[in-house]
Amino acid sequence: MNRGSTCLVEYPFSDGTGAKVRPVLVVSNDDFNRGADVVVVPISSRPNQADPYSVFIDENSSVFQGTGLRRSSSVKWSKPFTLDKSLLIRRLGALDERLAQRVSDAIVTLFARV
């Protein structure tokens, strides 16, 4: 799996009661991804374009088809988590480099000093 890949995973509920199949975006770098884990962020098919903690992906965009997603979505970049690669069900597609970089840049702000 490479940085920028969209995948389906068994996404765990935050309260630990179960999981559901959901799309995610791989945000860890390719060197890290050679190991057993990847760092991902969830992708929501119920986008809120006004959400400052997500990157909107418009289904009418010229780059949408490559994502493998079914409809306009939001990448929830403020919710990264580490996942064992065995939980990845399959690769859907990938974000173009420009969108992947927007997500990466946003994630860095989570750890910046204010």
N, C-alpha and C. Protein backbone atom coordinates (compact mmCIF):
# COMPACT_ATOMS: atom_id res chain seq x y z
N MET A 1 0.84 -1.18 0.00
CA MET A 1 0.00 0.00 0.00
C MET A 1 0.88 1.24 0.00
N ASN A 2 0.53 2.20 -0.82
CA ASN A 2 1.30 3.44 -0.91
C ASN A 2 0.54 4.60 -0.29
N ARG A 3 1.29 5.64 0.10
CA ARG A 3 0.67 6.88 0.57
C ARG A 3 -0.26 7.38 -0.52
N GLY A 4 -1.47 7.78 -0.13
CA GLY A 4 -2.45 8.28 -1.07
C GLY A 4 -3.44 7.23 -1.55
N SER A 5 -3.20 5.95 -1.22
CA SER A 5 -4.13 4.89 -1.62
C SER A 5 -5.43 4.98 -0.82
N THR A 6 -6.54 4.75 -1.50
CA THR A 6 -7.82 4.60 -0.82
C THR A 6 -8.09 3.10 -0.72
N CYS A 7 -8.58 2.67 0.44
CA CYS A 7 -8.78 1.25 0.70
C CYS A 7 -10.06 1.04 1.50
N LEU A 8 -10.55 -0.18 1.46
CA LEU A 8 -11.63 -0.58 2.35
C LEU A 8 -11.01 -1.33 3.51
N VAL A 9 -11.49 -1.04 4.73
CA VAL A 9 -10.98 -1.70 5.93
C VAL A 9 -12.13 -2.03 6.87
N GLU A 10 -11.85 -2.94 7.79
CA GLU A 10 -12.73 -3.16 8.93
C GLU A 10 -12.44 -2.03 9.89
N TYR A 11 -13.24 -0.97 9.85
CA TYR A 11 -13.00 0.24 10.63
C TYR A 11 -13.59 0.06 12.02
N PRO A 12 -12.75 0.14 13.06
CA PRO A 12 -13.24 -0.08 14.42
C PRO A 12 -14.05 1.12 14.94
N PHE A 13 -15.11 0.83 15.68
CA PHE A 13 -15.84 1.89 16.36
C PHE A 13 -14.96 2.43 17.48
N SER A 14 -15.05 3.73 17.74
CA SER A 14 -14.18 4.35 18.74
C SER A 14 -14.43 3.82 20.16
N ASP A 15 -15.62 3.27 20.41
CA ASP A 15 -15.90 2.73 21.74
C ASP A 15 -15.50 1.27 21.88
N GLY A 16 -14.93 0.69 20.81
CA GLY A 16 -14.42 -0.68 20.86
C GLY A 16 -15.47 -1.76 20.77
N THR A 17 -16.73 -1.41 20.47
CA THR A 17 -17.80 -2.39 20.46
C THR A 17 -17.92 -3.18 19.16
N GLY A 18 -17.19 -2.82 18.14
CA GLY A 18 -17.27 -3.54 16.88
C GLY A 18 -16.58 -2.80 15.76
N ALA A 19 -16.96 -3.15 14.54
CA ALA A 19 -16.32 -2.54 13.38
C ALA A 19 -17.29 -2.58 12.20
N LYS A 20 -16.99 -1.77 11.19
CA LYS A 20 -17.80 -1.71 9.98
C LYS A 20 -16.85 -1.48 8.80
N VAL A 21 -17.19 -2.00 7.64
CA VAL A 21 -16.35 -1.80 6.46
C VAL A 21 -16.52 -0.36 5.99
N ARG A 22 -15.38 0.34 5.90
CA ARG A 22 -15.38 1.75 5.53
C ARG A 22 -14.15 2.07 4.69
N PRO A 23 -14.23 3.14 3.88
CA PRO A 23 -13.04 3.55 3.14
C PRO A 23 -12.11 4.39 4.02
N VAL A 24 -10.82 4.26 3.75
CA VAL A 24 -9.80 5.05 4.44
C VAL A 24 -8.76 5.50 3.41
N LEU A 25 -7.96 6.46 3.82
CA LEU A 25 -6.85 6.94 3.01
C LEU A 25 -5.55 6.63 3.74
N VAL A 26 -4.61 6.00 3.05
CA VAL A 26 -3.29 5.73 3.63
C VAL A 26 -2.50 7.03 3.61
N VAL A 27 -2.03 7.46 4.80
CA VAL A 27 -1.30 8.73 4.91
C VAL A 27 0.15 8.55 5.34
N SER A 28 0.52 7.38 5.77
CA SER A 28 1.92 7.15 6.15
C SER A 28 2.78 7.03 4.90
N ASN A 29 4.08 7.34 5.07
CA ASN A 29 4.97 7.31 3.90
C ASN A 29 5.28 5.88 3.49
N ASP A 30 5.75 5.74 2.26
CA ASP A 30 5.94 4.42 1.68
C ASP A 30 7.00 3.59 2.41
N ASP A 31 8.01 4.23 3.00
CA ASP A 31 9.00 3.49 3.79
C ASP A 31 8.33 2.84 4.99
N PHE A 32 7.53 3.59 5.72
CA PHE A 32 6.80 3.05 6.88
C PHE A 32 5.86 1.93 6.44
N ASN A 33 5.23 2.10 5.30
CA ASN A 33 4.23 1.15 4.81
C ASN A 33 4.82 -0.21 4.43
N ARG A 34 6.14 -0.32 4.36
CA ARG A 34 6.76 -1.63 4.08
C ARG A 34 6.65 -2.57 5.27
N GLY A 35 6.37 -2.02 6.44
CA GLY A 35 6.22 -2.84 7.65
C GLY A 35 4.83 -3.46 7.74
N ALA A 36 4.47 -3.88 8.94
CA ALA A 36 3.20 -4.57 9.16
C ALA A 36 2.01 -3.62 9.26
N ASP A 37 2.28 -2.32 9.51
CA ASP A 37 1.21 -1.36 9.75
C ASP A 37 1.19 -0.25 8.71
N VAL A 38 0.06 0.45 8.66
CA VAL A 38 -0.08 1.69 7.90
C VAL A 38 -0.82 2.68 8.79
N VAL A 39 -0.63 3.96 8.53
CA VAL A 39 -1.41 4.99 9.21
C VAL A 39 -2.45 5.47 8.21
N VAL A 40 -3.70 5.49 8.65
CA VAL A 40 -4.81 5.85 7.78
C VAL A 40 -5.68 6.91 8.42
N VAL A 41 -6.49 7.56 7.61
CA VAL A 41 -7.55 8.44 8.10
C VAL A 41 -8.85 8.01 7.43
N PRO A 42 -9.97 8.15 8.13
CA PRO A 42 -11.25 7.73 7.56
C PRO A 42 -11.72 8.65 6.44
N ILE A 43 -12.53 8.08 5.57
CA ILE A 43 -13.19 8.83 4.50
C ILE A 43 -14.69 8.68 4.71
N SER A 44 -15.38 9.80 4.74
CA SER A 44 -16.83 9.81 4.95
C SER A 44 -17.56 10.06 3.64
N SER A 45 -18.62 9.29 3.41
CA SER A 45 -19.45 9.51 2.22
C SER A 45 -20.57 10.50 2.50
N ARG A 46 -20.53 11.09 3.68
CA ARG A 46 -21.47 12.16 4.04
C ARG A 46 -20.67 13.44 4.29
N PRO A 47 -20.18 14.03 3.21
CA PRO A 47 -19.26 15.16 3.37
C PRO A 47 -19.94 16.43 3.86
N ASN A 48 -19.19 17.16 4.64
CA ASN A 48 -19.59 18.49 5.08
C ASN A 48 -18.51 19.43 4.57
N GLN A 49 -18.78 20.14 3.49
CA GLN A 49 -17.79 20.99 2.87
C GLN A 49 -17.30 22.10 3.80
N ALA A 50 -18.08 22.44 4.81
CA ALA A 50 -17.71 23.50 5.74
C ALA A 50 -16.83 22.99 6.89
N ASP A 51 -16.63 21.69 7.01
CA ASP A 51 -15.84 21.11 8.09
C ASP A 51 -14.37 21.48 7.91
N PRO A 52 -13.79 22.25 8.83
CA PRO A 52 -12.39 22.65 8.68
C PRO A 52 -11.41 21.50 8.91
N TYR A 53 -11.91 20.36 9.40
CA TYR A 53 -11.06 19.22 9.69
C TYR A 53 -11.23 18.09 8.68
N SER A 54 -11.60 18.45 7.47
CA SER A 54 -11.71 17.46 6.41
C SER A 54 -11.34 18.09 5.07
N VAL A 55 -10.98 17.23 4.13
CA VAL A 55 -10.71 17.65 2.76
C VAL A 55 -11.81 17.05 1.89
N PHE A 56 -12.53 17.91 1.20
CA PHE A 56 -13.66 17.49 0.37
C PHE A 56 -13.15 16.96 -0.97
N ILE A 57 -13.74 15.85 -1.41
CA ILE A 57 -13.45 15.27 -2.72
C ILE A 57 -14.76 15.25 -3.50
N ASP A 58 -14.84 16.08 -4.52
CA ASP A 58 -16.06 16.25 -5.32
C ASP A 58 -16.14 15.20 -6.42
N GLU A 59 -17.27 14.49 -6.47
CA GLU A 59 -17.45 13.45 -7.50
C GLU A 59 -17.46 14.04 -8.91
N ASN A 60 -17.64 15.34 -9.05
CA ASN A 60 -17.63 15.99 -10.36
C ASN A 60 -16.23 16.46 -10.76
N SER A 61 -15.26 16.26 -9.88
CA SER A 61 -13.88 16.66 -10.15
C SER A 61 -13.25 15.71 -11.18
N SER A 62 -12.32 16.24 -11.94
CA SER A 62 -11.64 15.43 -12.96
C SER A 62 -10.78 14.32 -12.34
N VAL A 63 -10.41 14.46 -11.08
CA VAL A 63 -9.56 13.45 -10.43
C VAL A 63 -10.35 12.43 -9.61
N PHE A 64 -11.67 12.60 -9.55
CA PHE A 64 -12.48 11.74 -8.69
C PHE A 64 -12.44 10.27 -9.09
N GLN A 65 -12.52 9.99 -10.36
CA GLN A 65 -12.62 8.60 -10.83
C GLN A 65 -11.47 7.74 -10.31
N GLY A 66 -10.29 8.30 -10.23
CA GLY A 66 -9.13 7.55 -9.76
C GLY A 66 -9.18 7.16 -8.29
N THR A 67 -10.07 7.79 -7.51
CA THR A 67 -10.14 7.51 -6.08
C THR A 67 -10.76 6.16 -5.77
N GLY A 68 -11.61 5.67 -6.67
CA GLY A 68 -12.32 4.43 -6.41
C GLY A 68 -13.52 4.59 -5.49
N LEU A 69 -13.81 5.82 -5.09
CA LEU A 69 -14.95 6.07 -4.21
C LEU A 69 -16.23 6.13 -5.04
N ARG A 70 -17.34 5.96 -4.40
CA ARG A 70 -18.63 5.93 -5.12
C ARG A 70 -19.32 7.28 -5.24
N ARG A 71 -19.03 8.17 -4.30
CA ARG A 71 -19.71 9.48 -4.29
C ARG A 71 -18.80 10.52 -3.64
N SER A 72 -19.20 11.77 -3.75
CA SER A 72 -18.45 12.83 -3.09
C SER A 72 -18.22 12.44 -1.63
N SER A 73 -17.03 12.73 -1.15
CA SER A 73 -16.63 12.28 0.18
C SER A 73 -15.75 13.32 0.85
N SER A 74 -15.50 13.12 2.13
CA SER A 74 -14.59 13.95 2.89
C SER A 74 -13.55 13.08 3.56
N VAL A 75 -12.30 13.49 3.46
CA VAL A 75 -11.21 12.82 4.16
C VAL A 75 -11.10 13.46 5.53
N LYS A 76 -11.35 12.71 6.57
CA LYS A 76 -11.34 13.20 7.95
C LYS A 76 -9.91 13.16 8.50
N TRP A 77 -9.10 14.13 8.09
CA TRP A 77 -7.67 14.12 8.38
C TRP A 77 -7.32 14.27 9.85
N SER A 78 -8.27 14.70 10.67
CA SER A 78 -7.97 14.91 12.10
C SER A 78 -8.14 13.63 12.92
N LYS A 79 -8.37 12.49 12.26
CA LYS A 79 -8.61 11.24 12.99
C LYS A 79 -7.68 10.11 12.54
N PRO A 80 -6.36 10.36 12.51
CA PRO A 80 -5.46 9.29 12.06
C PRO A 80 -5.37 8.15 13.07
N PHE A 81 -5.15 6.94 12.54
CA PHE A 81 -4.90 5.81 13.41
C PHE A 81 -4.04 4.78 12.67
N THR A 82 -3.32 3.98 13.45
CA THR A 82 -2.47 2.94 12.90
C THR A 82 -3.28 1.66 12.79
N LEU A 83 -3.07 0.98 11.67
CA LEU A 83 -3.86 -0.21 11.36
C LEU A 83 -2.93 -1.30 10.86
N ASP A 84 -3.10 -2.51 11.34
CA ASP A 84 -2.36 -3.64 10.80
C ASP A 84 -2.83 -3.88 9.36
N LYS A 85 -1.90 -4.05 8.45
CA LYS A 85 -2.25 -4.21 7.04
C LYS A 85 -3.15 -5.41 6.77
N SER A 86 -3.18 -6.36 7.68
CA SER A 86 -4.05 -7.53 7.49
C SER A 86 -5.53 -7.14 7.54
N LEU A 87 -5.84 -5.95 8.10
CA LEU A 87 -7.23 -5.50 8.17
C LEU A 87 -7.67 -4.78 6.89
N LEU A 88 -6.73 -4.52 5.98
CA LEU A 88 -7.09 -3.91 4.70
C LEU A 88 -7.79 -4.97 3.85
N ILE A 89 -8.99 -4.66 3.43
CA ILE A 89 -9.76 -5.61 2.63
C ILE A 89 -9.33 -5.56 1.17
N ARG A 90 -9.26 -4.34 0.63
CA ARG A 90 -8.78 -4.18 -0.75
C ARG A 90 -8.51 -2.71 -1.03
N ARG A 91 -7.70 -2.49 -2.05
CA ARG A 91 -7.39 -1.14 -2.51
C ARG A 91 -8.49 -0.71 -3.46
N LEU A 92 -8.96 0.53 -3.31
CA LEU A 92 -9.99 1.08 -4.19
C LEU A 92 -9.38 1.90 -5.33
N GLY A 93 -8.39 2.72 -4.99
CA GLY A 93 -7.79 3.63 -5.95
C GLY A 93 -6.78 4.50 -5.22
N ALA A 94 -6.67 5.75 -5.66
CA ALA A 94 -5.72 6.66 -5.02
C ALA A 94 -6.14 8.10 -5.26
N LEU A 95 -5.76 8.96 -4.33
CA LEU A 95 -5.93 10.40 -4.52
C LEU A 95 -4.83 10.90 -5.44
N ASP A 96 -5.11 11.91 -6.21
CA ASP A 96 -4.04 12.51 -6.99
C ASP A 96 -3.06 13.16 -6.02
N GLU A 97 -1.86 13.42 -6.47
CA GLU A 97 -0.80 13.92 -5.60
C GLU A 97 -1.17 15.24 -4.91
N ARG A 98 -1.87 16.11 -5.63
CA ARG A 98 -2.25 17.41 -5.06
C ARG A 98 -3.17 17.23 -3.85
N LEU A 99 -4.20 16.38 -3.97
CA LEU A 99 -5.11 16.14 -2.86
C LEU A 99 -4.41 15.41 -1.71
N ALA A 100 -3.58 14.42 -2.05
CA ALA A 100 -2.85 13.69 -1.01
C ALA A 100 -1.96 14.63 -0.22
N GLN A 101 -1.33 15.58 -0.91
CA GLN A 101 -0.46 16.54 -0.22
C GLN A 101 -1.28 17.49 0.66
N ARG A 102 -2.47 17.89 0.21
CA ARG A 102 -3.35 18.73 1.06
C ARG A 102 -3.67 18.02 2.37
N VAL A 103 -3.97 16.72 2.29
CA VAL A 103 -4.27 15.95 3.49
C VAL A 103 -3.04 15.88 4.38
N SER A 104 -1.89 15.56 3.81
CA SER A 104 -0.65 15.47 4.60
C SER A 104 -0.33 16.79 5.29
N ASP A 105 -0.45 17.88 4.56
CA ASP A 105 -0.18 19.20 5.13
C ASP A 105 -1.14 19.49 6.29
N ALA A 106 -2.38 19.10 6.15
CA ALA A 106 -3.37 19.33 7.21
C ALA A 106 -3.03 18.51 8.45
N ILE A 107 -2.62 17.25 8.25
CA ILE A 107 -2.29 16.39 9.39
C ILE A 107 -1.15 16.99 10.21
N VAL A 108 -0.17 17.56 9.54
CA VAL A 108 0.97 18.17 10.24
C VAL A 108 0.48 19.25 11.21
N THR A 109 -0.58 19.95 10.88
CA THR A 109 -1.08 21.01 11.76
C THR A 109 -1.60 20.48 13.09
N LEU A 110 -1.95 19.19 13.14
CA LEU A 110 -2.41 18.59 14.40
C LEU A 110 -1.31 18.62 15.45
N PHE A 111 -0.05 18.60 15.00
CA PHE A 111 1.06 18.48 15.91
C PHE A 111 1.90 19.76 15.99
N ALA A 112 1.46 20.80 15.31
CA ALA A 112 2.21 22.06 15.32
C ALA A 112 1.95 22.81 16.63
N ARG A 113 2.95 23.53 17.07
CA ARG A 113 2.78 24.36 18.26
C ARG A 113 1.98 25.59 17.90
N VAL A 114 1.13 25.98 18.81
CA VAL A 114 0.34 27.20 18.62
C VAL A 114 0.72 28.25 19.62
